[in-house]
Structure formats: structure tokens, C-alpha cells
């Protein structure tokens, strides 16, 4: 994990060839896509980024057709029903890749490090969590967020609005170990994520679809009044962002 004061290491291909920052038009054959999609083998980061836009689009089309061609509402899917979750589970991120995209700052609760986006269907982030720190409660103004723990233990608390008094009710309090994966959308509630341990940093990888620029946050679970927060990245494509207000 790289401290914020250090610059990104110079890495050999493929990380130096655009740092996997976007999903370009496919240069791989349809046979590659068919074999990879129907295989159960692990995927490299480059392969995952190549495949994920089409998987998301096909999943959206399928849900739309099931609803008679209208806009598909946000659904709660199991892994067996969710091709995006299945593909995400097959992603095998190497230690070198994780190091390249991991930046941490001691005075921040956590850092959001952009790995890749196509600006249309997905955003892939690496989040680095300091000990005993967490995010605020927040929503997901998109079709959902898939999260997998790459290092340490990450805690998730889920909330719904309290119908009796102002504030939220915690409906779930779960800890996810390395390798565990979960999914949430606003139909399932809001949540906050954090590292409740004191032993060291935790790292999680998050897939959002589609990308979004703003979300609602709540700093106090006893106050339903939301604040709109602009989504900021501490680093992008393996390089620190210069602005001072990265979340």
C-alpha cells in the first residue's frame, strides 16, 4: 500500500499502457468473450475490465425484457441470478495490481482509488480503510454496488428509515473477511462501510453501475436530514489526484 506522499511506481505492461483506466472498444475476438464468459476460471484485471461492460448491458436488457420492455426496477438478486456478481467473483487481482492502486492517508477515514471506468456502464474502485474508521451512511444513486474484501476485515451496517421517529434503524451488522463479497442497492436500504479492527488497514474493491457523481450521506443515524456529497477520488489510475478535497 502506497502512502500519499509517494509517487506511483513505474510498472511494466499492462499497468503502464493506460493503467487500465477505461474500457476501450474491444480488440478481442467474439470467441474470447464467449469462452471467458462461460468459463469458471479466474479473470485477470485486464480481462475483467474488458468483459464487464457487455455483461452489465446484457443483464440490463434481460431484466428489461422480463418487465415487458419497460425500465427495470432495482432488484435484489442472488449470485446465481446475477451475472455481474458471478463475473466479479472471478476477478483475481494480483498483489502487484493491488499495490499499484492502493493509496492511504493517515488523517482520512478511508481513500477512494479509481481503477477503471468507461463513464457509461461501470466504475471500479479500490477503497483503503484505516483502522477503526468508517464511511458515513450513504445511498447508491445507481443500479447497485458490488463489494469484495481483498485484505483484512470490512464491516457493513445497513439502515432503513425509522417510521416512528426521525432517524434510521440498523437492520444488519455484518463483517466480511478476505474473499467475501456482497451487493447492495437502494431497494435494500442504505449502508456504511468501515474497518472496525485496530490491527491494520483493510482493502475492498467496489463495482458501481452506472457511474455517478453525487450521492446522499447522513453523518448521524438519528437525523434523517441528508447532505449531498460530490464523489471524489484520492487517486486515479494509479496516480494521486492533486485536489485537496478528495473523499
C-alpha atoms as a PDB file:
ATOM      1  CA  UNK A   1       0.000   0.000   0.000  1.00  0.00           C
ATOM      2  CA  UNK A   2       1.387   3.354  -1.015  1.00  0.00           C
ATOM      3  CA  UNK A   3       1.410   6.343   1.355  1.00  0.00           C
ATOM      4  CA  UNK A   4       0.011   9.519  -0.149  1.00  0.00           C
ATOM      5  CA  UNK A   5       3.393  11.228  -0.146  1.00  0.00           C
ATOM      6  CA  UNK A   6       4.965   8.741  -2.525  1.00  0.00           C
ATOM      7  CA  UNK A   7       4.529   8.671  -6.279  1.00  0.00           C
ATOM      8  CA  UNK A   8       3.319   5.637  -8.190  1.00  0.00           C
ATOM      9  CA  UNK A   9       5.932   3.078  -9.046  1.00  0.00           C
ATOM     10  CA  UNK A  10       6.820   2.601 -12.681  1.00  0.00           C
ATOM     11  CA  UNK A  11       5.317  -0.735 -13.626  1.00  0.00           C
ATOM     12  CA  UNK A  12       5.667  -2.843 -16.711  1.00  0.00           C
ATOM     13  CA  UNK A  13       2.847  -3.738 -19.104  1.00  0.00           C
ATOM     14  CA  UNK A  14      -0.108  -3.898 -18.760  1.00  0.00           C
ATOM     15  CA  UNK A  15      -0.219  -1.302 -15.995  1.00  0.00           C
ATOM     16  CA  UNK A  16       1.822   1.259 -17.928  1.00  0.00           C
ATOM     17  CA  UNK A  17      -0.317   1.028 -21.058  1.00  0.00           C
ATOM     18  CA  UNK A  18      -3.039   3.420 -19.963  1.00  0.00           C
ATOM     19  CA  UNK A  19      -3.220   1.946 -16.436  1.00  0.00           C
ATOM     20  CA  UNK A  20      -6.397   0.074 -17.380  1.00  0.00           C
ATOM     21  CA  UNK A  21      -8.230   3.359 -16.919  1.00  0.00           C
ATOM     22  CA  UNK A  22     -11.107   2.782 -19.308  1.00  0.00           C
ATOM     23  CA  UNK A  23     -12.773   0.085 -21.323  1.00  0.00           C
ATOM     24  CA  UNK A  24     -11.792   0.783 -24.957  1.00  0.00           C
ATOM     25  CA  UNK A  25     -13.590  -0.701 -27.936  1.00  0.00           C
ATOM     26  CA  UNK A  26     -12.934  -4.419 -27.856  1.00  0.00           C
ATOM     27  CA  UNK A  27      -9.920  -5.690 -29.763  1.00  0.00           C
ATOM     28  CA  UNK A  28     -10.548  -9.273 -28.685  1.00  0.00           C
ATOM     29  CA  UNK A  29     -12.415 -11.841 -30.727  1.00  0.00           C
ATOM     30  CA  UNK A  30     -16.020 -12.879 -30.018  1.00  0.00           C
ATOM     31  CA  UNK A  31     -14.634 -16.368 -29.344  1.00  0.00           C
ATOM     32  CA  UNK A  32     -12.549 -14.931 -26.474  1.00  0.00           C
ATOM     33  CA  UNK A  33     -15.613 -13.306 -24.950  1.00  0.00           C
ATOM     34  CA  UNK A  34     -17.714 -16.466 -25.289  1.00  0.00           C
ATOM     35  CA  UNK A  35     -15.062 -18.700 -23.722  1.00  0.00           C
ATOM     36  CA  UNK A  36     -14.322 -16.310 -20.874  1.00  0.00           C
ATOM     37  CA  UNK A  37     -17.980 -15.607 -20.076  1.00  0.00           C
ATOM     38  CA  UNK A  38     -18.929 -19.270 -19.958  1.00  0.00           C
ATOM     39  CA  UNK A  39     -15.825 -20.407 -18.122  1.00  0.00           C
ATOM     40  CA  UNK A  40     -15.455 -20.648 -14.365  1.00  0.00           C
ATOM     41  CA  UNK A  41     -11.770 -19.792 -14.418  1.00  0.00           C
ATOM     42  CA  UNK A  42     -10.353 -16.717 -12.713  1.00  0.00           C
ATOM     43  CA  UNK A  43     -10.036 -13.482 -14.653  1.00  0.00           C
ATOM     44  CA  UNK A  44      -7.162 -11.043 -14.706  1.00  0.00           C
ATOM     45  CA  UNK A  45      -7.946  -7.394 -14.016  1.00  0.00           C
ATOM     46  CA  UNK A  46      -7.491  -6.600 -17.701  1.00  0.00           C
ATOM     47  CA  UNK A  47      -9.856  -9.390 -18.755  1.00  0.00           C
ATOM     48  CA  UNK A  48     -12.472  -8.338 -16.212  1.00  0.00           C
ATOM     49  CA  UNK A  49     -12.437  -4.719 -17.403  1.00  0.00           C
ATOM     50  CA  UNK A  50     -12.747  -5.929 -20.988  1.00  0.00           C
ATOM     51  CA  UNK A  51     -15.774  -8.093 -20.224  1.00  0.00           C
ATOM     52  CA  UNK A  52     -17.770  -6.172 -17.613  1.00  0.00           C
ATOM     53  CA  UNK A  53     -19.476  -3.520 -19.837  1.00  0.00           C
ATOM     54  CA  UNK A  54     -21.148  -6.142 -22.046  1.00  0.00           C
ATOM     55  CA  UNK A  55     -22.148  -8.266 -19.061  1.00  0.00           C
ATOM     56  CA  UNK A  56     -23.817  -5.249 -17.441  1.00  0.00           C
ATOM     57  CA  UNK A  57     -25.613  -4.265 -20.657  1.00  0.00           C
ATOM     58  CA  UNK A  58     -26.838  -7.816 -21.258  1.00  0.00           C
ATOM     59  CA  UNK A  59     -28.044  -8.092 -17.666  1.00  0.00           C
ATOM     60  CA  UNK A  60     -29.970  -4.812 -18.005  1.00  0.00           C
ATOM     61  CA  UNK A  61     -31.555  -5.948 -21.283  1.00  0.00           C
ATOM     62  CA  UNK A  62     -32.618  -9.246 -19.737  1.00  0.00           C
ATOM     63  CA  UNK A  63     -34.255  -7.524 -16.768  1.00  0.00           C
ATOM     64  CA  UNK A  64     -35.972  -5.047 -19.075  1.00  0.00           C
ATOM     65  CA  UNK A  65     -37.399  -7.833 -21.244  1.00  0.00           C
ATOM     66  CA  UNK A  66     -38.641  -9.649 -18.158  1.00  0.00           C
ATOM     67  CA  UNK A  67     -40.571  -6.496 -17.247  1.00  0.00           C
ATOM     68  CA  UNK A  68     -42.176  -6.188 -20.668  1.00  0.00           C
ATOM     69  CA  UNK A  69     -39.676  -3.735 -22.159  1.00  0.00           C
ATOM     70  CA  UNK A  70     -40.144  -1.016 -19.547  1.00  0.00           C
ATOM     71  CA  UNK A  71     -37.485   0.358 -17.260  1.00  0.00           C
ATOM     72  CA  UNK A  72     -36.435  -2.442 -14.928  1.00  0.00           C
ATOM     73  CA  UNK A  73     -36.734  -1.584 -11.250  1.00  0.00           C
ATOM     74  CA  UNK A  74     -33.834  -2.216  -8.910  1.00  0.00           C
ATOM     75  CA  UNK A  75     -33.976  -5.841  -7.870  1.00  0.00           C
ATOM     76  CA  UNK A  76     -32.422  -7.950  -5.129  1.00  0.00           C
ATOM     77  CA  UNK A  77     -30.586 -10.737  -6.913  1.00  0.00           C
ATOM     78  CA  UNK A  78     -28.770 -13.789  -5.617  1.00  0.00           C
ATOM     79  CA  UNK A  79     -25.350 -14.615  -7.038  1.00  0.00           C
ATOM     80  CA  UNK A  80     -26.938 -17.416  -9.077  1.00  0.00           C
ATOM     81  CA  UNK A  81     -29.234 -14.887 -10.774  1.00  0.00           C
ATOM     82  CA  UNK A  82     -26.673 -12.123 -11.123  1.00  0.00           C
ATOM     83  CA  UNK A  83     -24.118 -12.465 -13.954  1.00  0.00           C
ATOM     84  CA  UNK A  84     -22.345  -9.295 -12.775  1.00  0.00           C
ATOM     85  CA  UNK A  85     -21.766 -10.804  -9.319  1.00  0.00           C
ATOM     86  CA  UNK A  86     -20.576 -14.039 -10.891  1.00  0.00           C
ATOM     87  CA  UNK A  87     -18.068 -12.237 -13.085  1.00  0.00           C
ATOM     88  CA  UNK A  88     -16.915 -10.023 -10.193  1.00  0.00           C
ATOM     89  CA  UNK A  89     -16.271 -13.104  -8.060  1.00  0.00           C
ATOM     90  CA  UNK A  90     -13.931 -14.463 -10.726  1.00  0.00           C
ATOM     91  CA  UNK A  91     -11.724 -11.340 -10.698  1.00  0.00           C
ATOM     92  CA  UNK A  92      -8.252 -12.292  -9.454  1.00  0.00           C
ATOM     93  CA  UNK A  93      -6.352  -9.108  -8.595  1.00  0.00           C
ATOM     94  CA  UNK A  94      -2.614  -9.655  -8.155  1.00  0.00           C
ATOM     95  CA  UNK A  95      -0.557  -8.216  -5.300  1.00  0.00           C
ATOM     96  CA  UNK A  96       1.255  -6.001  -7.815  1.00  0.00           C
ATOM     97  CA  UNK A  97      -2.031  -4.574  -9.113  1.00  0.00           C
ATOM     98  CA  UNK A  98      -3.393  -4.051  -5.611  1.00  0.00           C
ATOM     99  CA  UNK A  99      -0.184  -2.242  -4.623  1.00  0.00           C
ATOM    100  CA  UNK A 100      -0.342  -0.050  -7.721  1.00  0.00           C
ATOM    101  CA  UNK A 101      -3.840   1.240  -6.949  1.00  0.00           C
ATOM    102  CA  UNK A 102      -3.618   1.377  -3.134  1.00  0.00           C
ATOM    103  CA  UNK A 103      -3.036   4.770  -1.568  1.00  0.00           C
ATOM    104  CA  UNK A 104      -3.683   5.603   2.060  1.00  0.00           C
ATOM    105  CA  UNK A 105      -3.650   8.823   4.086  1.00  0.00           C
ATOM    106  CA  UNK A 106      -3.355   8.597   7.864  1.00  0.00           C
ATOM    107  CA  UNK A 107      -5.700  11.526   8.618  1.00  0.00           C
ATOM    108  CA  UNK A 108      -8.532  10.205   6.401  1.00  0.00           C
ATOM    109  CA  UNK A 109     -11.043   7.557   7.361  1.00  0.00           C
ATOM    110  CA  UNK A 110     -10.537   5.908   4.006  1.00  0.00           C
ATOM    111  CA  UNK A 111      -9.463   6.651   0.427  1.00  0.00           C
ATOM    112  CA  UNK A 112     -11.292   6.036  -2.847  1.00  0.00           C
ATOM    113  CA  UNK A 113      -8.885   4.984  -5.603  1.00  0.00           C
ATOM    114  CA  UNK A 114     -10.179   4.774  -9.170  1.00  0.00           C
ATOM    115  CA  UNK A 115      -9.025   1.692 -11.061  1.00  0.00           C
ATOM    116  CA  UNK A 116     -11.168   1.922 -14.193  1.00  0.00           C
ATOM    117  CA  UNK A 117     -14.328   3.368 -15.722  1.00  0.00           C
ATOM    118  CA  UNK A 118     -15.907   3.614 -19.156  1.00  0.00           C
ATOM    119  CA  UNK A 119     -18.013   6.618 -17.980  1.00  0.00           C
ATOM    120  CA  UNK A 120     -21.172   4.814 -19.118  1.00  0.00           C
ATOM    121  CA  UNK A 121     -21.694   1.390 -17.571  1.00  0.00           C
ATOM    122  CA  UNK A 122     -19.291   0.964 -14.638  1.00  0.00           C
ATOM    123  CA  UNK A 123     -16.787   2.388 -12.188  1.00  0.00           C
ATOM    124  CA  UNK A 124     -14.266   0.160 -10.410  1.00  0.00           C
ATOM    125  CA  UNK A 125     -12.724   1.487  -7.180  1.00  0.00           C
ATOM    126  CA  UNK A 126     -10.223   0.266  -4.607  1.00  0.00           C
ATOM    127  CA  UNK A 127     -11.066   1.539  -1.108  1.00  0.00           C
ATOM    128  CA  UNK A 128      -8.366   1.585   1.584  1.00  0.00           C
ATOM    129  CA  UNK A 129      -9.622   1.740   5.175  1.00  0.00           C
ATOM    130  CA  UNK A 130      -7.691   2.981   8.184  1.00  0.00           C
ATOM    131  CA  UNK A 131      -8.205   1.106  11.483  1.00  0.00           C
ATOM    132  CA  UNK A 132     -11.341   1.978  13.485  1.00  0.00           C
ATOM    133  CA  UNK A 133     -12.658   4.217  10.680  1.00  0.00           C
ATOM    134  CA  UNK A 134     -15.767   4.101   8.505  1.00  0.00           C
ATOM    135  CA  UNK A 135     -17.765   5.932   5.845  1.00  0.00           C
ATOM    136  CA  UNK A 136     -20.920   7.903   6.650  1.00  0.00           C
ATOM    137  CA  UNK A 137     -24.280   6.301   5.921  1.00  0.00           C
ATOM    138  CA  UNK A 138     -24.909   6.762   2.196  1.00  0.00           C
ATOM    139  CA  UNK A 139     -27.154   5.818  -0.697  1.00  0.00           C
ATOM    140  CA  UNK A 140     -26.334   4.461  -4.160  1.00  0.00           C
ATOM    141  CA  UNK A 141     -27.900   6.549  -6.959  1.00  0.00           C
ATOM    142  CA  UNK A 142     -27.212   3.742  -9.435  1.00  0.00           C
ATOM    143  CA  UNK A 143     -28.320   0.156 -10.073  1.00  0.00           C
ATOM    144  CA  UNK A 144     -26.137  -1.074  -7.246  1.00  0.00           C
ATOM    145  CA  UNK A 145     -22.737  -1.660  -5.694  1.00  0.00           C
ATOM    146  CA  UNK A 146     -20.852  -4.948  -5.591  1.00  0.00           C
ATOM    147  CA  UNK A 147     -18.118  -5.150  -2.946  1.00  0.00           C
ATOM    148  CA  UNK A 148     -15.415  -7.714  -2.257  1.00  0.00           C
ATOM    149  CA  UNK A 149     -12.838  -7.691   0.541  1.00  0.00           C
ATOM    150  CA  UNK A 150      -9.246  -8.063  -0.660  1.00  0.00           C
ATOM    151  CA  UNK A 151      -7.415  -7.591   2.641  1.00  0.00           C
ATOM    152  CA  UNK A 152      -8.411  -7.589   6.307  1.00  0.00           C
ATOM    153  CA  UNK A 153     -11.997  -7.405   7.554  1.00  0.00           C
ATOM    154  CA  UNK A 154     -14.637  -4.901   6.437  1.00  0.00           C
ATOM    155  CA  UNK A 155     -17.811  -4.204   8.413  1.00  0.00           C
ATOM    156  CA  UNK A 156     -21.131  -3.238   6.821  1.00  0.00           C
ATOM    157  CA  UNK A 157     -24.102  -1.754   8.670  1.00  0.00           C
ATOM    158  CA  UNK A 158     -27.372  -1.437   6.736  1.00  0.00           C
ATOM    159  CA  UNK A 159     -30.148   1.007   7.555  1.00  0.00           C
ATOM    160  CA  UNK A 160     -33.737   1.852   6.701  1.00  0.00           C
ATOM    161  CA  UNK A 161     -35.650   4.961   7.678  1.00  0.00           C
ATOM    162  CA  UNK A 162     -37.273   4.846  11.095  1.00  0.00           C
ATOM    163  CA  UNK A 163     -41.055   5.092  10.598  1.00  0.00           C
ATOM    164  CA  UNK A 164     -41.681   6.015  14.238  1.00  0.00           C
ATOM    165  CA  UNK A 165     -39.163   8.781  14.865  1.00  0.00           C
ATOM    166  CA  UNK A 166     -36.576  10.814  12.977  1.00  0.00           C
ATOM    167  CA  UNK A 167     -33.538   8.777  12.040  1.00  0.00           C
ATOM    168  CA  UNK A 168     -32.575   5.294  10.888  1.00  0.00           C
ATOM    169  CA  UNK A 169     -32.917   1.733  12.118  1.00  0.00           C
ATOM    170  CA  UNK A 170     -29.936  -0.590  11.704  1.00  0.00           C
ATOM    171  CA  UNK A 171     -31.207  -3.764  10.021  1.00  0.00           C
ATOM    172  CA  UNK A 172     -27.915  -5.604   9.539  1.00  0.00           C
ATOM    173  CA  UNK A 173     -24.445  -5.544  11.079  1.00  0.00           C
ATOM    174  CA  UNK A 174     -22.063  -7.892   9.248  1.00  0.00           C
ATOM    175  CA  UNK A 175     -18.330  -8.410   8.996  1.00  0.00           C
ATOM    176  CA  UNK A 176     -16.788  -9.616   5.745  1.00  0.00           C
ATOM    177  CA  UNK A 177     -13.469 -11.419   5.691  1.00  0.00           C
ATOM    178  CA  UNK A 178     -10.932 -11.508   2.864  1.00  0.00           C
ATOM    179  CA  UNK A 179     -12.571 -13.016  -0.218  1.00  0.00           C
ATOM    180  CA  UNK A 180     -16.153 -12.306   0.904  1.00  0.00           C
ATOM    181  CA  UNK A 181     -18.484 -10.496  -1.499  1.00  0.00           C
ATOM    182  CA  UNK A 182     -21.768  -8.640  -1.093  1.00  0.00           C
ATOM    183  CA  UNK A 183     -24.193  -6.409  -3.009  1.00  0.00           C
ATOM    184  CA  UNK A 184     -26.497  -3.521  -2.148  1.00  0.00           C
ATOM    185  CA  UNK A 185     -28.851  -1.120  -3.904  1.00  0.00           C
ATOM    186  CA  UNK A 186     -31.277   1.451  -2.530  1.00  0.00           C
ATOM    187  CA  UNK A 187     -34.123  -1.049  -2.685  1.00  0.00           C
ATOM    188  CA  UNK A 188     -32.297  -2.930   0.088  1.00  0.00           C
ATOM    189  CA  UNK A 189     -31.562   0.143   2.214  1.00  0.00           C
ATOM    190  CA  UNK A 190     -28.605   2.426   2.851  1.00  0.00           C
ATOM    191  CA  UNK A 191     -25.327   1.449   4.460  1.00  0.00           C
ATOM    192  CA  UNK A 192     -21.996   2.468   5.878  1.00  0.00           C
ATOM    193  CA  UNK A 193     -18.756   0.558   5.457  1.00  0.00           C
ATOM    194  CA  UNK A 194     -15.731   0.549   7.713  1.00  0.00           C
ATOM    195  CA  UNK A 195     -12.728  -1.133   9.282  1.00  0.00           C
ATOM    196  CA  UNK A 196     -13.597  -1.810  12.913  1.00  0.00           C
ATOM    197  CA  UNK A 197     -10.303  -3.545  13.664  1.00  0.00           C
ATOM    198  CA  UNK A 198      -7.249  -1.913  15.193  1.00  0.00           C
ATOM    199  CA  UNK A 199      -4.614  -4.254  13.748  1.00  0.00           C
ATOM    200  CA  UNK A 200      -4.121  -2.560  10.379  1.00  0.00           C
ATOM    201  CA  UNK A 201      -5.629  -1.317   7.140  1.00  0.00           C
ATOM    202  CA  UNK A 202      -8.322  -3.129   5.197  1.00  0.00           C
ATOM    203  CA  UNK A 203      -8.819  -3.046   1.429  1.00  0.00           C
ATOM    204  CA  UNK A 204     -12.015  -3.623  -0.542  1.00  0.00           C
ATOM    205  CA  UNK A 205     -12.839  -3.413  -4.240  1.00  0.00           C
ATOM    206  CA  UNK A 206     -16.157  -1.864  -5.327  1.00  0.00           C
ATOM    207  CA  UNK A 207     -18.002  -2.057  -8.630  1.00  0.00           C
ATOM    208  CA  UNK A 208     -20.700   0.571  -9.326  1.00  0.00           C
ATOM    209  CA  UNK A 209     -23.086   0.572 -12.276  1.00  0.00           C
ATOM    210  CA  UNK A 210     -23.635   3.017 -13.807  1.00  0.00           C
ATOM    211  CA  UNK A 211     -21.126   5.677 -12.685  1.00  0.00           C
ATOM    212  CA  UNK A 212     -22.471   8.555 -10.584  1.00  0.00           C
ATOM    213  CA  UNK A 213     -21.092  11.911  -9.500  1.00  0.00           C
ATOM    214  CA  UNK A 214     -23.074  12.644  -6.332  1.00  0.00           C
ATOM    215  CA  UNK A 215     -24.712  10.728  -3.528  1.00  0.00           C
ATOM    216  CA  UNK A 216     -26.584  11.426  -0.299  1.00  0.00           C
ATOM    217  CA  UNK A 217     -24.830  10.998   3.046  1.00  0.00           C
ATOM    218  CA  UNK A 218     -26.002  11.025   6.655  1.00  0.00           C
ATOM    219  CA  UNK A 219     -23.471  11.750   9.392  1.00  0.00           C
ATOM    220  CA  UNK A 220     -25.870  10.942  12.246  1.00  0.00           C
ATOM    221  CA  UNK A 221     -28.133   7.887  12.247  1.00  0.00           C
ATOM    222  CA  UNK A 222     -30.562   9.810  14.461  1.00  0.00           C
ATOM    223  CA  UNK A 223     -31.037  12.589  11.910  1.00  0.00           C
ATOM    224  CA  UNK A 224     -32.813  11.853   8.626  1.00  0.00           C
ATOM    225  CA  UNK A 225     -31.666  15.105   7.006  1.00  0.00           C
ATOM    226  CA  UNK A 226     -29.283  14.255   4.176  1.00  0.00           C
ATOM    227  CA  UNK A 227     -26.311  16.115   2.724  1.00  0.00           C
ATOM    228  CA  UNK A 228     -25.353  15.814  -0.937  1.00  0.00           C
ATOM    229  CA  UNK A 229     -21.728  14.775  -1.353  1.00  0.00           C
ATOM    230  CA  UNK A 230     -19.678  15.008  -4.535  1.00  0.00           C
ATOM    231  CA  UNK A 231     -17.840  11.792  -5.362  1.00  0.00           C
ATOM    232  CA  UNK A 232     -14.073  12.392  -5.254  1.00  0.00           C
ATOM    233  CA  UNK A 233     -11.116  10.126  -5.919  1.00  0.00           C
ATOM    234  CA  UNK A 234      -7.932  10.170  -3.867  1.00  0.00           C
ATOM    235  CA  UNK A 235      -6.081   8.614  -6.788  1.00  0.00           C
ATOM    236  CA  UNK A 236      -6.957   7.819 -10.388  1.00  0.00           C
ATOM    237  CA  UNK A 237      -5.406   5.052 -12.477  1.00  0.00           C
ATOM    238  CA  UNK A 238      -2.526   4.620 -10.034  1.00  0.00           C
ATOM    239  CA  UNK A 239      -1.684   8.325  -9.611  1.00  0.00           C
ATOM    240  CA  UNK A 240      -2.586  10.717  -6.806  1.00  0.00           C
ATOM    241  CA  UNK A 241      -5.180  13.385  -7.560  1.00  0.00           C
ATOM    242  CA  UNK A 242      -3.963  16.899  -6.812  1.00  0.00           C
ATOM    243  CA  UNK A 243      -7.146  18.411  -5.321  1.00  0.00           C
ATOM    244  CA  UNK A 244      -7.327  18.673  -1.544  1.00  0.00           C
ATOM    245  CA  UNK A 245     -10.945  17.612  -1.052  1.00  0.00           C
ATOM    246  CA  UNK A 246     -10.783  14.001  -2.159  1.00  0.00           C
ATOM    247  CA  UNK A 247     -13.168  11.900  -0.056  1.00  0.00           C
END
